[in-house]
Amino acid sequence: MLQLLVDGGPLMVPLILCSVFTVAVLLDRGYAFYRHSKLDTRALRAKVLGLVEEGRVDEAAALCANTPSPVAAVLLAGLQSYARHRPLAARVESLLALMEKAMSDCAQHAMTAVEKRFAVLTTVGSAAPLFGMTGTVTGMIGSFGALSAAGVEASGVAAGIAEALITTAAGLLIALAAVIPYNILVAMSGRIELEIDEATSELLDLIAMRAGVRQ
């Protein structure tokens, strides 16, 4: 393995860095999504809504505050807005609008945190093949240089071809290792975003129904 890295030439250095960044991001995001998967967000939403329906808004907010989840954070933002503006809002529609804005703003921040470092994977997925192609070019240049300098020098030609093939293969493999998990993570973040949207609608509908606005 070490010999392959040496034979790959200097462009193996950025490729190794790309692989290190990819592994670091996948470990970080994988752990974050694993923690989220262990939480039953549907049960959390049901419990929070049940507390709100019973008028125990403070308990619902405390439950959300003690639950590390994007869904809980958005629900907490809505409940805090409800508690803050309920005595001041002249109409229920105004209260709902304020709650919706607070939850929407929180959702944006929450999704930014969920998709943190995704750009690293897309960058590696794009850059790694380019580094590999550059290695191919420099390797072929080395091969032709060996031919012109020493005629048909098998070792010189072989070294250049080896550099070309190794960097190309490394670049493609690293790109695959970044792009495939990236698409999986995007799908998972999409499900979290859907859960946030559902939680937002459920809380707003409940508040509206309690006030007799929505049926």
C-alpha atoms as a PDB file:
ATOM      1  CA  MET A   1       0.000   0.000   0.000  1.00  0.00           C
ATOM      2  CA  LEU A   2       2.784   2.418   0.911  1.00  0.00           C
ATOM      3  CA  GLN A   3       4.524   1.622  -2.355  1.00  0.00           C
ATOM      4  CA  LEU A   4       1.365   2.534  -4.268  1.00  0.00           C
ATOM      5  CA  LEU A   5       1.307   5.914  -2.543  1.00  0.00           C
ATOM      6  CA  VAL A   6       4.935   6.486  -3.501  1.00  0.00           C
ATOM      7  CA  ASP A   7       4.400   5.324  -7.091  1.00  0.00           C
ATOM      8  CA  GLY A   8       1.391   7.620  -7.399  1.00  0.00           C
ATOM      9  CA  GLY A   9       3.624  10.670  -7.263  1.00  0.00           C
ATOM     10  CA  PRO A  10       3.156  14.074  -5.623  1.00  0.00           C
ATOM     11  CA  LEU A  11      -0.529  14.351  -6.512  1.00  0.00           C
ATOM     12  CA  MET A  12      -1.245  11.571  -4.058  1.00  0.00           C
ATOM     13  CA  VAL A  13      -0.763  14.163  -1.296  1.00  0.00           C
ATOM     14  CA  PRO A  14      -3.931  16.177  -2.091  1.00  0.00           C
ATOM     15  CA  LEU A  15      -5.770  12.922  -2.741  1.00  0.00           C
ATOM     16  CA  ILE A  16      -4.806  11.644   0.705  1.00  0.00           C
ATOM     17  CA  LEU A  17      -5.977  14.932   2.212  1.00  0.00           C
ATOM     18  CA  CYS A  18      -9.286  14.558   0.368  1.00  0.00           C
ATOM     19  CA  SER A  19      -9.728  11.084   1.804  1.00  0.00           C
ATOM     20  CA  VAL A  20      -8.930  12.308   5.330  1.00  0.00           C
ATOM     21  CA  PHE A  21     -11.472  15.142   5.051  1.00  0.00           C
ATOM     22  CA  THR A  22     -14.070  12.705   3.719  1.00  0.00           C
ATOM     23  CA  VAL A  23     -13.594  10.238   6.563  1.00  0.00           C
ATOM     24  CA  ALA A  24     -13.716  13.036   9.159  1.00  0.00           C
ATOM     25  CA  VAL A  25     -16.975  14.455   7.783  1.00  0.00           C
ATOM     26  CA  LEU A  26     -18.589  11.028   7.470  1.00  0.00           C
ATOM     27  CA  LEU A  27     -17.721  10.168  11.068  1.00  0.00           C
ATOM     28  CA  ASP A  28     -19.061  13.509  12.310  1.00  0.00           C
ATOM     29  CA  ARG A  29     -22.302  13.475  10.315  1.00  0.00           C
ATOM     30  CA  GLY A  30     -22.781   9.738  10.746  1.00  0.00           C
ATOM     31  CA  TYR A  31     -22.706  10.098  14.520  1.00  0.00           C
ATOM     32  CA  ALA A  32     -25.110  13.060  14.391  1.00  0.00           C
ATOM     33  CA  PHE A  33     -27.620  11.186  12.237  1.00  0.00           C
ATOM     34  CA  TYR A  34     -27.243   8.074  14.382  1.00  0.00           C
ATOM     35  CA  ARG A  35     -28.180  10.081  17.482  1.00  0.00           C
ATOM     36  CA  HIS A  36     -31.203  11.488  15.679  1.00  0.00           C
ATOM     37  CA  SER A  37     -32.294   8.026  14.525  1.00  0.00           C
ATOM     38  CA  LYS A  38     -32.392   6.820  18.143  1.00  0.00           C
ATOM     39  CA  LEU A  39     -35.046   9.437  18.974  1.00  0.00           C
ATOM     40  CA  ASP A  40     -38.697   8.667  18.267  1.00  0.00           C
ATOM     41  CA  THR A  41     -39.711  12.076  16.931  1.00  0.00           C
ATOM     42  CA  ARG A  42     -43.272  10.942  16.283  1.00  0.00           C
ATOM     43  CA  ALA A  43     -43.690  10.053  19.960  1.00  0.00           C
ATOM     44  CA  LEU A  44     -42.047  13.338  20.961  1.00  0.00           C
ATOM     45  CA  ARG A  45     -44.452  15.327  18.804  1.00  0.00           C
ATOM     46  CA  ALA A  46     -47.443  13.446  20.205  1.00  0.00           C
ATOM     47  CA  LYS A  47     -46.338  14.049  23.782  1.00  0.00           C
ATOM     48  CA  VAL A  48     -45.652  17.756  23.204  1.00  0.00           C
ATOM     49  CA  LEU A  49     -48.993  18.280  21.489  1.00  0.00           C
ATOM     50  CA  GLY A  50     -50.754  16.387  24.260  1.00  0.00           C
ATOM     51  CA  LEU A  51     -49.224  18.659  26.886  1.00  0.00           C
ATOM     52  CA  VAL A  52     -50.161  21.764  24.906  1.00  0.00           C
ATOM     53  CA  GLU A  53     -53.718  20.510  24.489  1.00  0.00           C
ATOM     54  CA  GLU A  54     -53.935  20.128  28.271  1.00  0.00           C
ATOM     55  CA  GLY A  55     -52.675  23.680  28.704  1.00  0.00           C
ATOM     56  CA  ARG A  56     -49.315  22.562  30.105  1.00  0.00           C
ATOM     57  CA  VAL A  57     -47.263  24.675  27.729  1.00  0.00           C
ATOM     58  CA  ASP A  58     -44.370  25.156  30.155  1.00  0.00           C
ATOM     59  CA  GLU A  59     -43.982  21.393  30.539  1.00  0.00           C
ATOM     60  CA  ALA A  60     -44.072  20.946  26.764  1.00  0.00           C
ATOM     61  CA  ALA A  61     -41.378  23.606  26.360  1.00  0.00           C
ATOM     62  CA  ALA A  62     -39.238  21.973  29.059  1.00  0.00           C
ATOM     63  CA  LEU A  63     -39.544  18.610  27.310  1.00  0.00           C
ATOM     64  CA  CYS A  64     -38.384  20.149  24.025  1.00  0.00           C
ATOM     65  CA  ALA A  65     -35.537  22.014  25.723  1.00  0.00           C
ATOM     66  CA  ASN A  66     -34.236  18.761  27.211  1.00  0.00           C
ATOM     67  CA  THR A  67     -34.434  16.844  23.924  1.00  0.00           C
ATOM     68  CA  PRO A  68     -31.437  17.240  21.568  1.00  0.00           C
ATOM     69  CA  SER A  69     -33.228  17.191  18.229  1.00  0.00           C
ATOM     70  CA  PRO A  70     -33.908  19.632  15.365  1.00  0.00           C
ATOM     71  CA  VAL A  71     -37.617  18.820  15.643  1.00  0.00           C
ATOM     72  CA  ALA A  72     -37.600  19.573  19.373  1.00  0.00           C
ATOM     73  CA  ALA A  73     -35.731  22.837  18.766  1.00  0.00           C
ATOM     74  CA  VAL A  74     -38.346  24.007  16.259  1.00  0.00           C
ATOM     75  CA  LEU A  75     -41.227  23.056  18.549  1.00  0.00           C
ATOM     76  CA  LEU A  76     -39.510  24.905  21.397  1.00  0.00           C
ATOM     77  CA  ALA A  77     -39.219  28.028  19.242  1.00  0.00           C
ATOM     78  CA  GLY A  78     -42.941  27.863  18.514  1.00  0.00           C
ATOM     79  CA  LEU A  79     -43.888  27.334  22.144  1.00  0.00           C
ATOM     80  CA  GLN A  80     -41.660  30.179  23.315  1.00  0.00           C
ATOM     81  CA  SER A  81     -43.189  32.474  20.712  1.00  0.00           C
ATOM     82  CA  TYR A  82     -46.654  31.372  21.833  1.00  0.00           C
ATOM     83  CA  ALA A  83     -45.888  32.121  25.486  1.00  0.00           C
ATOM     84  CA  ARG A  84     -44.267  35.451  24.636  1.00  0.00           C
ATOM     85  CA  HIS A  85     -46.875  36.832  22.247  1.00  0.00           C
ATOM     86  CA  ARG A  86     -50.101  35.267  23.458  1.00  0.00           C
ATOM     87  CA  PRO A  87     -50.870  38.072  25.971  1.00  0.00           C
ATOM     88  CA  LEU A  88     -50.017  40.742  23.381  1.00  0.00           C
ATOM     89  CA  ALA A  89     -51.524  39.428  20.157  1.00  0.00           C
ATOM     90  CA  ALA A  90     -54.853  41.080  19.423  1.00  0.00           C
ATOM     91  CA  ARG A  91     -55.941  38.301  17.071  1.00  0.00           C
ATOM     92  CA  VAL A  92     -55.194  34.598  16.907  1.00  0.00           C
ATOM     93  CA  GLU A  93     -54.095  34.975  13.295  1.00  0.00           C
ATOM     94  CA  SER A  94     -51.375  37.393  14.388  1.00  0.00           C
ATOM     95  CA  LEU A  95     -50.221  34.975  17.075  1.00  0.00           C
ATOM     96  CA  LEU A  96     -50.074  32.121  14.568  1.00  0.00           C
ATOM     97  CA  ALA A  97     -48.098  34.259  12.121  1.00  0.00           C
ATOM     98  CA  LEU A  98     -45.557  35.134  14.809  1.00  0.00           C
ATOM     99  CA  MET A  99     -45.252  31.496  15.844  1.00  0.00           C
ATOM    100  CA  GLU A 100     -44.847  30.359  12.253  1.00  0.00           C
ATOM    101  CA  LYS A 101     -42.082  32.898  11.631  1.00  0.00           C
ATOM    102  CA  ALA A 102     -40.230  31.871  14.794  1.00  0.00           C
ATOM    103  CA  MET A 103     -40.449  28.202  13.856  1.00  0.00           C
ATOM    104  CA  SER A 104     -39.423  28.880  10.270  1.00  0.00           C
ATOM    105  CA  ASP A 105     -36.355  30.835  11.371  1.00  0.00           C
ATOM    106  CA  CYS A 106     -35.409  28.091  13.820  1.00  0.00           C
ATOM    107  CA  ALA A 107     -35.927  25.438  11.140  1.00  0.00           C
ATOM    108  CA  GLN A 108     -33.471  27.209   8.848  1.00  0.00           C
ATOM    109  CA  HIS A 109     -30.824  27.249  11.575  1.00  0.00           C
ATOM    110  CA  ALA A 110     -31.582  23.639  12.478  1.00  0.00           C
ATOM    111  CA  MET A 111     -31.221  22.420   8.892  1.00  0.00           C
ATOM    112  CA  THR A 112     -27.995  24.388   8.502  1.00  0.00           C
ATOM    113  CA  ALA A 113     -26.650  22.472  11.494  1.00  0.00           C
ATOM    114  CA  VAL A 114     -27.941  19.162  10.105  1.00  0.00           C
ATOM    115  CA  GLU A 115     -26.271  19.755   6.725  1.00  0.00           C
ATOM    116  CA  LYS A 116     -23.055  21.056   8.275  1.00  0.00           C
ATOM    117  CA  ARG A 117     -19.939  20.138   6.255  1.00  0.00           C
ATOM    118  CA  PHE A 118     -21.963  18.629   3.398  1.00  0.00           C
ATOM    119  CA  ALA A 119     -20.066  21.028   1.124  1.00  0.00           C
ATOM    120  CA  VAL A 120     -16.826  19.223   1.986  1.00  0.00           C
ATOM    121  CA  LEU A 121     -18.196  16.017   0.470  1.00  0.00           C
ATOM    122  CA  THR A 122     -19.370  17.721  -2.716  1.00  0.00           C
ATOM    123  CA  THR A 123     -16.009  19.476  -3.053  1.00  0.00           C
ATOM    124  CA  VAL A 124     -14.100  16.229  -2.604  1.00  0.00           C
ATOM    125  CA  GLY A 125     -16.432  14.471  -5.030  1.00  0.00           C
ATOM    126  CA  SER A 126     -15.616  17.082  -7.664  1.00  0.00           C
ATOM    127  CA  ALA A 127     -11.945  17.682  -6.893  1.00  0.00           C
ATOM    128  CA  ALA A 128     -10.669  14.127  -6.382  1.00  0.00           C
ATOM    129  CA  PRO A 129     -11.253  12.997 -10.007  1.00  0.00           C
ATOM    130  CA  LEU A 130      -9.600  16.207 -11.221  1.00  0.00           C
ATOM    131  CA  PHE A 131      -6.532  15.494  -9.111  1.00  0.00           C
ATOM    132  CA  GLY A 132      -6.566  11.983 -10.528  1.00  0.00           C
ATOM    133  CA  MET A 133      -6.779  13.257 -14.107  1.00  0.00           C
ATOM    134  CA  THR A 134      -3.953  15.689 -13.435  1.00  0.00           C
ATOM    135  CA  GLY A 135      -1.896  12.771 -12.154  1.00  0.00           C
ATOM    136  CA  THR A 136      -2.707  10.918 -15.362  1.00  0.00           C
ATOM    137  CA  VAL A 137      -1.400  13.802 -17.427  1.00  0.00           C
ATOM    138  CA  THR A 138       1.785  14.235 -15.388  1.00  0.00           C
ATOM    139  CA  GLY A 139       2.363  10.479 -15.445  1.00  0.00           C
ATOM    140  CA  MET A 140       2.045  10.326 -19.227  1.00  0.00           C
ATOM    141  CA  ILE A 141       4.323  13.333 -19.559  1.00  0.00           C
ATOM    142  CA  GLY A 142       6.874  11.445 -17.468  1.00  0.00           C
ATOM    143  CA  SER A 143       6.495   8.378 -19.685  1.00  0.00           C
ATOM    144  CA  PHE A 144       7.041  10.331 -22.879  1.00  0.00           C
ATOM    145  CA  GLY A 145       9.954  12.113 -21.244  1.00  0.00           C
ATOM    146  CA  ALA A 146      11.562   8.766 -20.465  1.00  0.00           C
ATOM    147  CA  LEU A 147      11.040   7.636 -24.052  1.00  0.00           C
ATOM    148  CA  SER A 148      12.591  10.752 -25.540  1.00  0.00           C
ATOM    149  CA  ALA A 149      15.509  10.799 -23.112  1.00  0.00           C
ATOM    150  CA  ALA A 150      16.540   7.169 -23.192  1.00  0.00           C
ATOM    151  CA  GLY A 151      14.764   5.510 -26.070  1.00  0.00           C
ATOM    152  CA  VAL A 152      12.575   2.645 -25.033  1.00  0.00           C
ATOM    153  CA  GLU A 153      13.457   2.590 -21.328  1.00  0.00           C
ATOM    154  CA  ALA A 154      11.027   0.140 -19.790  1.00  0.00           C
ATOM    155  CA  SER A 155      11.452   1.263 -16.189  1.00  0.00           C
ATOM    156  CA  GLY A 156      10.974   4.946 -16.973  1.00  0.00           C
ATOM    157  CA  VAL A 157       7.879   4.318 -19.071  1.00  0.00           C
ATOM    158  CA  ALA A 158       6.431   1.948 -16.489  1.00  0.00           C
ATOM    159  CA  ALA A 159       6.893   4.480 -13.684  1.00  0.00           C
ATOM    160  CA  GLY A 160       4.999   7.149 -15.605  1.00  0.00           C
ATOM    161  CA  ILE A 161       2.179   4.789 -16.516  1.00  0.00           C
ATOM    162  CA  ALA A 162       1.963   3.583 -12.911  1.00  0.00           C
ATOM    163  CA  GLU A 163       1.641   7.165 -11.681  1.00  0.00           C
ATOM    164  CA  ALA A 164      -1.087   7.831 -14.240  1.00  0.00           C
ATOM    165  CA  LEU A 165      -3.118   4.749 -13.355  1.00  0.00           C
ATOM    166  CA  ILE A 166      -2.698   4.983  -9.579  1.00  0.00           C
ATOM    167  CA  THR A 167      -3.753   8.621  -9.333  1.00  0.00           C
ATOM    168  CA  THR A 168      -6.714   8.046 -11.645  1.00  0.00           C
ATOM    169  CA  ALA A 169      -7.919   5.065  -9.632  1.00  0.00           C
ATOM    170  CA  ALA A 170      -7.363   6.858  -6.322  1.00  0.00           C
ATOM    171  CA  GLY A 171      -9.230   9.948  -7.491  1.00  0.00           C
ATOM    172  CA  LEU A 172     -12.229   7.941  -8.666  1.00  0.00           C
ATOM    173  CA  LEU A 173     -12.381   5.805  -5.529  1.00  0.00           C
ATOM    174  CA  ILE A 174     -12.171   8.821  -3.227  1.00  0.00           C
ATOM    175  CA  ALA A 175     -14.869  10.601  -5.241  1.00  0.00           C
ATOM    176  CA  LEU A 176     -17.145   7.572  -4.926  1.00  0.00           C
ATOM    177  CA  ALA A 177     -16.462   7.408  -1.188  1.00  0.00           C
ATOM    178  CA  ALA A 178     -17.622  11.026  -0.896  1.00  0.00           C
ATOM    179  CA  VAL A 179     -20.510  11.194  -3.376  1.00  0.00           C
ATOM    180  CA  ILE A 180     -22.390   8.022  -2.407  1.00  0.00           C
ATOM    181  CA  PRO A 181     -22.530   8.815   1.345  1.00  0.00           C
ATOM    182  CA  TYR A 182     -23.352  12.429   0.482  1.00  0.00           C
ATOM    183  CA  ASN A 183     -26.477  11.352  -1.383  1.00  0.00           C
ATOM    184  CA  ILE A 184     -27.481   9.114   1.520  1.00  0.00           C
ATOM    185  CA  LEU A 185     -26.997  11.975   3.992  1.00  0.00           C
ATOM    186  CA  VAL A 186     -29.022  14.333   1.792  1.00  0.00           C
ATOM    187  CA  ALA A 187     -31.899  11.844   1.769  1.00  0.00           C
ATOM    188  CA  MET A 188     -31.710  11.542   5.555  1.00  0.00           C
ATOM    189  CA  SER A 189     -31.645  15.321   6.014  1.00  0.00           C
ATOM    190  CA  GLY A 190     -34.687  15.536   3.747  1.00  0.00           C
ATOM    191  CA  ARG A 191     -36.579  13.239   6.101  1.00  0.00           C
ATOM    192  CA  ILE A 192     -35.610  15.436   9.058  1.00  0.00           C
ATOM    193  CA  GLU A 193     -36.834  18.502   7.182  1.00  0.00           C
ATOM    194  CA  LEU A 194     -40.140  16.738   6.521  1.00  0.00           C
ATOM    195  CA  GLU A 195     -40.470  15.919  10.227  1.00  0.00           C
ATOM    196  CA  ILE A 196     -39.868  19.591  11.047  1.00  0.00           C
ATOM    197  CA  ASP A 197     -42.544  20.689   8.569  1.00  0.00           C
ATOM    198  CA  GLU A 198     -45.023  18.197  10.010  1.00  0.00           C
ATOM    199  CA  ALA A 199     -44.277  19.280  13.585  1.00  0.00           C
ATOM    200  CA  THR A 200     -44.732  22.938  12.632  1.00  0.00           C
ATOM    201  CA  SER A 201     -48.089  22.289  10.968  1.00  0.00           C
ATOM    202  CA  GLU A 202     -49.318  20.128  13.846  1.00  0.00           C
ATOM    203  CA  LEU A 203     -48.514  22.724  16.504  1.00  0.00           C
ATOM    204  CA  LEU A 204     -50.011  25.614  14.533  1.00  0.00           C
ATOM    205  CA  ASP A 205     -53.141  23.610  13.762  1.00  0.00           C
ATOM    206  CA  LEU A 206     -53.553  22.676  17.411  1.00  0.00           C
ATOM    207  CA  ILE A 207     -53.232  26.282  18.587  1.00  0.00           C
ATOM    208  CA  ALA A 208     -55.657  27.407  15.879  1.00  0.00           C
ATOM    209  CA  MET A 209     -58.202  24.707  16.709  1.00  0.00           C
ATOM    210  CA  ARG A 210     -58.062  25.568  20.402  1.00  0.00           C
ATOM    211  CA  ALA A 211     -58.890  29.131  19.408  1.00  0.00           C
ATOM    212  CA  GLY A 212     -61.596  27.981  16.981  1.00  0.00           C
ATOM    213  CA  VAL A 213     -59.840  29.360  13.884  1.00  0.00           C
ATOM    214  CA  ARG A 214     -58.948  26.192  12.021  1.00  0.00           C
ATOM    215  CA  GLN A 215     -61.018  23.069  11.829  1.00  0.00           C
END
